[in-house]
N, C-alpha and C. Protein backbone atom coordinates (compact mmCIF):
# COMPACT_ATOMS: atom_id res chain seq x y z
N ALA A 1 -10.69 -8.12 16.95
CA ALA A 1 -11.24 -7.43 15.80
C ALA A 1 -10.24 -7.46 14.66
N LYS A 2 -10.75 -7.48 13.47
CA LYS A 2 -9.89 -7.53 12.28
C LYS A 2 -10.35 -6.51 11.23
N GLY A 3 -9.48 -6.26 10.28
CA GLY A 3 -9.80 -5.33 9.19
C GLY A 3 -8.97 -5.64 7.97
N ILE A 4 -9.41 -5.10 6.84
CA ILE A 4 -8.73 -5.31 5.55
C ILE A 4 -8.13 -3.99 5.10
N ILE A 5 -6.91 -4.06 4.58
CA ILE A 5 -6.26 -2.87 4.00
C ILE A 5 -6.46 -2.91 2.49
N SER A 6 -6.97 -1.82 1.93
CA SER A 6 -7.15 -1.69 0.49
C SER A 6 -6.18 -0.65 -0.05
N ILE A 7 -5.48 -1.00 -1.10
CA ILE A 7 -4.51 -0.11 -1.70
C ILE A 7 -4.86 0.12 -3.16
N GLN A 8 -4.71 1.37 -3.61
CA GLN A 8 -4.88 1.67 -5.03
C GLN A 8 -3.71 2.51 -5.47
N LYS A 9 -2.96 2.01 -6.44
CA LYS A 9 -1.77 2.70 -6.96
C LYS A 9 -2.12 3.27 -8.32
N GLU A 10 -1.95 4.61 -8.48
CA GLU A 10 -2.23 5.26 -9.76
C GLU A 10 -1.03 6.09 -10.17
N GLY A 11 -0.92 6.30 -11.49
CA GLY A 11 0.14 7.16 -11.98
C GLY A 11 -0.11 7.48 -13.45
N GLU A 12 0.70 8.38 -13.97
CA GLU A 12 0.58 8.76 -15.37
C GLU A 12 1.24 7.69 -16.22
N VAL A 13 0.51 7.26 -17.26
CA VAL A 13 1.00 6.25 -18.20
C VAL A 13 0.99 6.84 -19.61
N PHE A 14 2.07 6.60 -20.33
CA PHE A 14 2.17 7.12 -21.71
C PHE A 14 1.02 6.60 -22.54
N GLU A 15 0.35 7.54 -23.24
CA GLU A 15 -0.81 7.17 -24.04
C GLU A 15 -0.54 7.31 -25.54
N GLY A 16 0.27 8.25 -25.93
CA GLY A 16 0.56 8.43 -27.33
C GLY A 16 1.26 9.75 -27.59
N VAL A 17 1.38 10.09 -28.86
CA VAL A 17 2.06 11.32 -29.28
C VAL A 17 1.17 12.07 -30.24
N SER A 18 1.02 13.35 -30.01
CA SER A 18 0.30 14.19 -30.99
C SER A 18 1.34 14.99 -31.76
N THR A 19 1.05 15.26 -32.99
CA THR A 19 1.97 16.05 -33.83
C THR A 19 1.27 17.29 -34.30
N ASN A 20 2.00 18.38 -34.27
CA ASN A 20 1.51 19.67 -34.73
C ASN A 20 2.57 20.36 -35.56
N LYS A 21 2.17 21.05 -36.58
CA LYS A 21 3.08 21.81 -37.39
C LYS A 21 3.29 23.18 -36.75
N SER A 22 4.49 23.66 -36.76
CA SER A 22 4.78 24.99 -36.24
C SER A 22 5.78 25.67 -37.17
N GLU A 23 6.09 26.89 -36.88
CA GLU A 23 7.08 27.60 -37.72
C GLU A 23 8.46 26.98 -37.58
N TYR A 24 8.66 26.15 -36.55
CA TYR A 24 9.96 25.49 -36.35
C TYR A 24 10.00 24.06 -36.88
N GLY A 25 8.91 23.59 -37.44
CA GLY A 25 8.82 22.22 -37.94
C GLY A 25 7.70 21.47 -37.22
N THR A 26 7.79 20.18 -37.26
CA THR A 26 6.78 19.36 -36.63
C THR A 26 7.10 19.16 -35.15
N LEU A 27 6.12 19.46 -34.29
CA LEU A 27 6.28 19.26 -32.86
C LEU A 27 5.62 17.94 -32.46
N HIS A 28 6.34 17.13 -31.70
CA HIS A 28 5.80 15.86 -31.19
C HIS A 28 5.59 16.03 -29.68
N THR A 29 4.36 15.94 -29.25
CA THR A 29 4.02 16.15 -27.85
C THR A 29 3.47 14.84 -27.26
N PRO A 30 4.17 14.31 -26.24
CA PRO A 30 3.65 13.09 -25.63
C PRO A 30 2.38 13.38 -24.81
N SER A 31 1.48 12.40 -24.74
CA SER A 31 0.30 12.56 -23.90
C SER A 31 0.24 11.40 -22.91
N TYR A 32 -0.25 11.71 -21.74
CA TYR A 32 -0.31 10.74 -20.65
C TYR A 32 -1.73 10.64 -20.11
N LYS A 33 -2.01 9.50 -19.49
CA LYS A 33 -3.32 9.26 -18.92
C LYS A 33 -3.08 8.66 -17.52
N VAL A 34 -3.87 9.10 -16.54
CA VAL A 34 -3.77 8.55 -15.19
C VAL A 34 -4.55 7.24 -15.16
N LYS A 35 -3.88 6.18 -14.73
CA LYS A 35 -4.57 4.88 -14.61
C LYS A 35 -3.92 4.08 -13.51
N GLY A 36 -4.56 2.98 -13.14
CA GLY A 36 -4.03 2.10 -12.11
C GLY A 36 -2.75 1.43 -12.57
N LEU A 37 -1.76 1.35 -11.65
CA LEU A 37 -0.48 0.74 -11.98
C LEU A 37 -0.40 -0.67 -11.41
N SER A 38 -0.12 -1.62 -12.29
CA SER A 38 -0.04 -3.02 -11.86
C SER A 38 1.35 -3.37 -11.35
N ASN A 39 1.41 -4.46 -10.60
CA ASN A 39 2.65 -5.04 -10.10
C ASN A 39 3.42 -4.18 -9.10
N ALA A 40 2.77 -3.21 -8.48
CA ALA A 40 3.40 -2.47 -7.37
C ALA A 40 3.34 -3.38 -6.16
N GLU A 41 4.45 -3.52 -5.47
CA GLU A 41 4.51 -4.41 -4.29
C GLU A 41 4.54 -3.61 -3.00
N TYR A 42 3.81 -4.11 -2.05
CA TYR A 42 3.75 -3.49 -0.70
C TYR A 42 4.00 -4.55 0.35
N THR A 43 4.74 -4.19 1.37
CA THR A 43 5.03 -5.10 2.49
C THR A 43 4.35 -4.54 3.74
N ILE A 44 3.58 -5.38 4.40
CA ILE A 44 2.92 -5.00 5.63
C ILE A 44 3.69 -5.67 6.77
N THR A 45 4.25 -4.86 7.68
CA THR A 45 5.09 -5.36 8.75
C THR A 45 4.50 -4.97 10.11
N ALA A 46 4.61 -5.88 11.06
CA ALA A 46 4.14 -5.59 12.41
C ALA A 46 5.04 -4.51 13.04
N ASP A 47 4.45 -3.44 13.54
CA ASP A 47 5.21 -2.38 14.19
C ASP A 47 5.17 -2.54 15.73
N GLU A 48 4.59 -3.61 16.17
CA GLU A 48 4.53 -3.98 17.57
C GLU A 48 4.17 -5.49 17.61
N ASP A 49 4.35 -6.12 18.74
CA ASP A 49 3.89 -7.49 18.90
C ASP A 49 2.38 -7.50 18.75
N ILE A 50 1.85 -8.42 17.96
CA ILE A 50 0.40 -8.50 17.77
C ILE A 50 -0.10 -9.69 18.58
N ILE A 51 -0.77 -9.33 19.69
CA ILE A 51 -1.21 -10.32 20.67
C ILE A 51 -2.73 -10.16 20.84
N THR A 52 -3.47 -11.26 20.70
CA THR A 52 -4.91 -11.19 20.87
C THR A 52 -5.27 -11.32 22.35
N GLY A 53 -6.53 -11.06 22.66
CA GLY A 53 -7.02 -11.07 24.03
C GLY A 53 -6.78 -12.35 24.80
N ASP A 54 -6.67 -13.46 24.08
CA ASP A 54 -6.43 -14.74 24.78
C ASP A 54 -4.94 -14.99 25.05
N GLY A 55 -4.09 -13.99 24.71
CA GLY A 55 -2.65 -14.09 24.98
C GLY A 55 -1.85 -14.71 23.85
N THR A 56 -2.48 -15.05 22.74
CA THR A 56 -1.78 -15.64 21.59
C THR A 56 -1.01 -14.57 20.84
N THR A 57 0.30 -14.81 20.64
CA THR A 57 1.12 -13.90 19.86
C THR A 57 1.04 -14.37 18.40
N HIS A 58 0.49 -13.50 17.54
CA HIS A 58 0.35 -13.87 16.11
C HIS A 58 1.55 -13.39 15.30
N PHE A 59 2.10 -12.22 15.65
CA PHE A 59 3.28 -11.70 14.98
C PHE A 59 4.11 -10.93 16.00
N LYS A 60 5.42 -10.98 15.84
CA LYS A 60 6.32 -10.19 16.67
C LYS A 60 6.68 -8.93 15.91
N LYS A 61 7.08 -7.90 16.62
CA LYS A 61 7.46 -6.63 16.01
C LYS A 61 8.54 -6.91 14.95
N GLY A 62 8.33 -6.38 13.75
CA GLY A 62 9.30 -6.59 12.66
C GLY A 62 8.94 -7.72 11.72
N ASP A 63 8.04 -8.61 12.14
CA ASP A 63 7.63 -9.72 11.27
C ASP A 63 6.87 -9.19 10.06
N ILE A 64 7.08 -9.79 8.90
CA ILE A 64 6.30 -9.47 7.73
C ILE A 64 4.97 -10.20 7.85
N ILE A 65 3.87 -9.43 7.87
CA ILE A 65 2.55 -9.98 8.00
C ILE A 65 2.04 -10.46 6.62
N GLU A 66 2.25 -9.63 5.62
CA GLU A 66 1.76 -9.96 4.29
C GLU A 66 2.47 -9.10 3.25
N THR A 67 2.63 -9.65 2.05
CA THR A 67 3.13 -8.90 0.91
C THR A 67 2.02 -8.84 -0.13
N LEU A 68 1.74 -7.63 -0.63
CA LEU A 68 0.66 -7.42 -1.61
C LEU A 68 1.27 -6.99 -2.94
N LYS A 69 0.58 -7.34 -4.04
CA LYS A 69 0.96 -6.88 -5.35
C LYS A 69 -0.30 -6.39 -6.04
N THR A 70 -0.25 -5.19 -6.64
CA THR A 70 -1.44 -4.63 -7.29
C THR A 70 -1.76 -5.40 -8.56
N ASP A 71 -3.08 -5.45 -8.86
CA ASP A 71 -3.57 -6.14 -10.07
C ASP A 71 -3.49 -5.21 -11.28
N GLU A 72 -4.05 -5.61 -12.38
CA GLU A 72 -4.02 -4.82 -13.61
C GLU A 72 -4.71 -3.47 -13.50
N ASN A 73 -5.56 -3.31 -12.47
CA ASN A 73 -6.24 -2.02 -12.22
C ASN A 73 -5.55 -1.18 -11.13
N GLY A 74 -4.42 -1.68 -10.63
CA GLY A 74 -3.69 -0.97 -9.62
C GLY A 74 -4.24 -1.16 -8.21
N LYS A 75 -5.04 -2.23 -8.00
CA LYS A 75 -5.66 -2.45 -6.69
C LYS A 75 -5.13 -3.70 -6.01
N ALA A 76 -5.09 -3.67 -4.69
CA ALA A 76 -4.72 -4.83 -3.91
C ALA A 76 -5.42 -4.76 -2.56
N ASN A 77 -5.80 -5.92 -2.04
CA ASN A 77 -6.45 -6.02 -0.71
C ASN A 77 -5.70 -7.04 0.13
N SER A 78 -5.56 -6.73 1.40
CA SER A 78 -4.91 -7.65 2.32
C SER A 78 -5.92 -8.72 2.76
N ALA A 79 -5.39 -9.69 3.46
CA ALA A 79 -6.26 -10.66 4.12
C ALA A 79 -6.91 -9.93 5.31
N ASN A 80 -7.72 -10.59 6.04
CA ASN A 80 -8.38 -10.03 7.22
C ASN A 80 -7.32 -10.00 8.35
N LEU A 81 -6.82 -8.80 8.70
CA LEU A 81 -5.72 -8.66 9.63
C LEU A 81 -6.19 -8.22 11.02
N TYR A 82 -5.45 -8.63 12.05
CA TYR A 82 -5.74 -8.15 13.40
C TYR A 82 -5.48 -6.64 13.46
N LEU A 83 -6.35 -5.91 14.13
CA LEU A 83 -6.16 -4.49 14.30
C LEU A 83 -4.96 -4.28 15.22
N SER A 84 -3.99 -3.53 14.73
CA SER A 84 -2.76 -3.31 15.48
C SER A 84 -1.95 -2.20 14.80
N LEU A 85 -0.81 -1.90 15.36
CA LEU A 85 0.08 -0.91 14.79
C LEU A 85 0.94 -1.61 13.74
N ILE A 86 0.85 -1.15 12.50
CA ILE A 86 1.59 -1.79 11.41
C ILE A 86 2.33 -0.74 10.60
N HIS A 87 3.22 -1.22 9.73
CA HIS A 87 3.95 -0.34 8.85
C HIS A 87 3.82 -0.88 7.45
N ILE A 88 3.55 -0.02 6.47
CA ILE A 88 3.45 -0.41 5.08
C ILE A 88 4.57 0.24 4.29
N SER A 89 5.31 -0.55 3.51
CA SER A 89 6.36 0.03 2.69
C SER A 89 6.18 -0.47 1.26
N GLU A 90 6.77 0.28 0.34
CA GLU A 90 6.71 -0.06 -1.06
C GLU A 90 8.14 -0.26 -1.58
N PRO A 91 8.71 -1.45 -1.34
CA PRO A 91 10.13 -1.66 -1.62
C PRO A 91 10.52 -1.66 -3.10
N THR A 92 9.56 -1.88 -4.01
CA THR A 92 9.90 -1.96 -5.43
C THR A 92 9.86 -0.59 -6.12
N ARG A 93 9.44 0.44 -5.40
CA ARG A 93 9.39 1.76 -5.97
C ARG A 93 10.81 2.28 -6.23
N LEU A 94 10.99 3.05 -7.31
CA LEU A 94 12.29 3.58 -7.65
C LEU A 94 12.89 4.40 -6.51
N LEU A 95 12.09 5.28 -5.95
CA LEU A 95 12.51 6.06 -4.81
C LEU A 95 11.80 5.44 -3.62
N SER A 96 12.57 4.78 -2.75
CA SER A 96 12.01 4.05 -1.63
C SER A 96 11.06 4.93 -0.81
N ILE A 97 9.92 4.37 -0.46
CA ILE A 97 8.92 5.12 0.32
C ILE A 97 8.27 4.20 1.32
N SER A 98 7.94 4.75 2.48
CA SER A 98 7.25 3.99 3.52
C SER A 98 6.06 4.77 4.00
N TYR A 99 5.05 4.06 4.46
CA TYR A 99 3.85 4.66 4.99
C TYR A 99 3.65 4.09 6.39
N ALA A 100 3.49 4.95 7.35
CA ALA A 100 3.15 4.48 8.69
C ALA A 100 1.63 4.45 8.79
N VAL A 101 1.11 3.34 9.19
CA VAL A 101 -0.34 3.21 9.31
C VAL A 101 -0.67 2.84 10.74
N PHE A 102 -1.53 3.64 11.33
CA PHE A 102 -1.94 3.35 12.71
C PHE A 102 -3.35 2.82 12.66
N CYS A 103 -3.52 1.60 13.06
CA CYS A 103 -4.84 0.99 13.09
C CYS A 103 -5.42 1.15 14.51
N LEU A 104 -6.71 1.30 14.55
CA LEU A 104 -7.38 1.43 15.85
C LEU A 104 -7.36 0.12 16.60
N LYS A 105 -7.18 0.23 17.88
CA LYS A 105 -7.23 -0.96 18.72
C LYS A 105 -8.27 -0.75 19.81
N LYS A 106 -8.85 -1.82 20.25
CA LYS A 106 -9.81 -1.73 21.35
C LYS A 106 -9.06 -1.37 22.63
N LYS A 107 -9.68 -0.50 23.42
CA LYS A 107 -9.09 -0.11 24.67
C LYS A 107 -9.16 -1.28 25.63
N LYS A 108 -8.05 -1.58 26.28
CA LYS A 108 -8.02 -2.66 27.25
C LYS A 108 -8.71 -2.21 28.54
N LYS A 109 -9.57 -3.09 29.05
CA LYS A 109 -10.26 -2.78 30.30
C LYS A 109 -9.33 -3.14 31.47
N LYS A 110 -9.31 -2.22 32.43
CA LYS A 110 -8.48 -2.48 33.62
C LYS A 110 -9.25 -3.45 34.53
N LYS A 111 -8.52 -4.44 35.00
CA LYS A 111 -9.13 -5.39 35.92
C LYS A 111 -9.11 -4.83 37.34
N LYS A 112 -10.24 -4.98 38.05
CA LYS A 112 -10.29 -4.54 39.44
C LYS A 112 -9.70 -5.62 40.31
N LYS A 113 -8.92 -5.18 41.29
CA LYS A 113 -8.31 -6.14 42.20
C LYS A 113 -9.11 -6.34 43.46
């Protein structure tokens, strides 16, 4: 089984400055708008060996599965990935951040002897 990871990065973006007169002079107040942030990079890493039912190893623990970059709307989608335990990190962020993502896996059937 496979699935797609969808990411949306949003943040406050400078929109302009409003000016108001006050008893202290002219006040300049910045205004911000929440919108999608482009060019945010995410790394999807295998947090375990990814082995399909036929015994094929597709990725070993620690392998980079895919790197994503958000578009002009702040969105990014992965390829169709095998369901497994993975780790998502955002290495280009000013303050390093990681996200642990647990994907559902099919329960293995026990073979009768």
